[in-house]
Amino acid sequence: MEENQNVEGYTATQLAELTNKNRHAVESWLSYHKIKPLSYEALYPVETLERLKTAKVGRPKKPKP
C-alpha cells in the first residue's frame, strides 16, 4: 500500500493564474524549457513560478549563421 507523499509544486493552471499568462503559453514555456512534472498530477517544481515570471516575452531570436 502506498503512503501519501507531500510534494510541493504548482499545476500548469496555478502557474497561469499566478503569472497572468494563459495556460497554453505556460505549457509551451514548460515544454520549451524541458521542465518535467513532478508527479502524475503534473506538479511542477516550486522554483518554476519565479522562472516563469521572469521569462522574456516573445519568440527566441534565430541563431546567426
C-alpha atoms as a PDB file:
ATOM      1  CA  MET A   1       0.000   0.000   0.000  1.00  0.00           C
ATOM      2  CA  GLU A   2       1.377   3.412  -0.995  1.00  0.00           C
ATOM      3  CA  GLU A   3       1.745   6.213   1.517  1.00  0.00           C
ATOM      4  CA  ASN A   4       0.754   9.739   0.548  1.00  0.00           C
ATOM      5  CA  GLN A   5       3.795  11.867  -0.121  1.00  0.00           C
ATOM      6  CA  ASN A   6       3.844  15.621   0.352  1.00  0.00           C
ATOM      7  CA  VAL A   7       5.174  17.108  -2.854  1.00  0.00           C
ATOM      8  CA  GLU A   8       5.417  20.874  -3.208  1.00  0.00           C
ATOM      9  CA  GLY A   9       4.793  22.411  -6.582  1.00  0.00           C
ATOM     10  CA  TYR A  10       2.294  24.051  -8.911  1.00  0.00           C
ATOM     11  CA  THR A  11      -0.067  22.817 -11.582  1.00  0.00           C
ATOM     12  CA  ALA A  12       0.024  24.442 -15.026  1.00  0.00           C
ATOM     13  CA  THR A  13      -3.306  26.131 -14.226  1.00  0.00           C
ATOM     14  CA  GLN A  14      -1.945  27.590 -10.985  1.00  0.00           C
ATOM     15  CA  LEU A  15       1.184  28.843 -12.758  1.00  0.00           C
ATOM     16  CA  ALA A  16      -1.008  30.508 -15.402  1.00  0.00           C
ATOM     17  CA  GLU A  17      -3.139  32.252 -12.759  1.00  0.00           C
ATOM     18  CA  LEU A  18      -0.120  33.403 -10.713  1.00  0.00           C
ATOM     19  CA  THR A  19       1.702  34.820 -13.750  1.00  0.00           C
ATOM     20  CA  ASN A  20      -1.314  36.263 -15.605  1.00  0.00           C
ATOM     21  CA  LYS A  21      -0.470  34.183 -18.681  1.00  0.00           C
ATOM     22  CA  ASN A  22      -2.789  31.776 -20.438  1.00  0.00           C
ATOM     23  CA  ARG A  23      -2.417  28.049 -19.766  1.00  0.00           C
ATOM     24  CA  HIS A  24      -1.286  27.288 -23.318  1.00  0.00           C
ATOM     25  CA  ALA A  25       1.563  29.803 -23.034  1.00  0.00           C
ATOM     26  CA  VAL A  26       2.626  28.271 -19.719  1.00  0.00           C
ATOM     27  CA  GLU A  27       2.535  24.716 -21.092  1.00  0.00           C
ATOM     28  CA  SER A  28       4.524  25.797 -24.165  1.00  0.00           C
ATOM     29  CA  TRP A  29       7.107  27.507 -21.950  1.00  0.00           C
ATOM     30  CA  LEU A  30       7.414  24.413 -19.731  1.00  0.00           C
ATOM     31  CA  SER A  31       7.886  22.187 -22.774  1.00  0.00           C
ATOM     32  CA  TYR A  32      10.463  24.502 -24.379  1.00  0.00           C
ATOM     33  CA  HIS A  33      12.497  24.641 -21.139  1.00  0.00           C
ATOM     34  CA  LYS A  34      12.170  20.854 -20.667  1.00  0.00           C
ATOM     35  CA  ILE A  35      10.651  21.172 -17.196  1.00  0.00           C
ATOM     36  CA  LYS A  36       9.024  17.866 -16.378  1.00  0.00           C
ATOM     37  CA  PRO A  37       6.129  17.485 -13.933  1.00  0.00           C
ATOM     38  CA  LEU A  38       6.999  16.022 -10.519  1.00  0.00           C
ATOM     39  CA  SER A  39       4.075  13.615 -10.430  1.00  0.00           C
ATOM     40  CA  TYR A  40       1.214  12.154 -12.432  1.00  0.00           C
ATOM     41  CA  GLU A  41      -0.954  15.110 -11.383  1.00  0.00           C
ATOM     42  CA  ALA A  42       1.544  17.380 -13.214  1.00  0.00           C
ATOM     43  CA  LEU A  43       3.026  19.320 -10.319  1.00  0.00           C
ATOM     44  CA  TYR A  44       5.999  21.393 -11.379  1.00  0.00           C
ATOM     45  CA  PRO A  45       8.873  22.401  -9.035  1.00  0.00           C
ATOM     46  CA  VAL A  46       8.321  25.447  -6.805  1.00  0.00           C
ATOM     47  CA  GLU A  47      11.148  27.436  -8.462  1.00  0.00           C
ATOM     48  CA  THR A  48       9.294  27.213 -11.793  1.00  0.00           C
ATOM     49  CA  LEU A  49       6.988  30.067 -10.759  1.00  0.00           C
ATOM     50  CA  GLU A  50       9.841  32.553 -10.370  1.00  0.00           C
ATOM     51  CA  ARG A  51      11.485  31.429 -13.620  1.00  0.00           C
ATOM     52  CA  LEU A  52       8.203  31.797 -15.478  1.00  0.00           C
ATOM     53  CA  LYS A  53       7.581  35.278 -14.046  1.00  0.00           C
ATOM     54  CA  THR A  54      10.994  36.499 -15.207  1.00  0.00           C
ATOM     55  CA  ALA A  55      10.792  34.879 -18.650  1.00  0.00           C
ATOM     56  CA  LYS A  56      11.084  37.153 -21.663  1.00  0.00           C
ATOM     57  CA  VAL A  57       8.002  37.532 -23.829  1.00  0.00           C
ATOM     58  CA  GLY A  58       8.119  36.575 -27.482  1.00  0.00           C
ATOM     59  CA  ARG A  59       9.898  34.251 -29.829  1.00  0.00           C
ATOM     60  CA  PRO A  60      13.601  33.499 -29.260  1.00  0.00           C
ATOM     61  CA  LYS A  61      15.999  35.086 -31.763  1.00  0.00           C
ATOM     62  CA  LYS A  62      17.266  32.906 -34.590  1.00  0.00           C
ATOM     63  CA  PRO A  63      20.930  31.882 -34.308  1.00  0.00           C
ATOM     64  CA  LYS A  64      23.265  33.791 -36.613  1.00  0.00           C
ATOM     65  CA  PRO A  65      24.830  31.674 -39.410  1.00  0.00           C
END
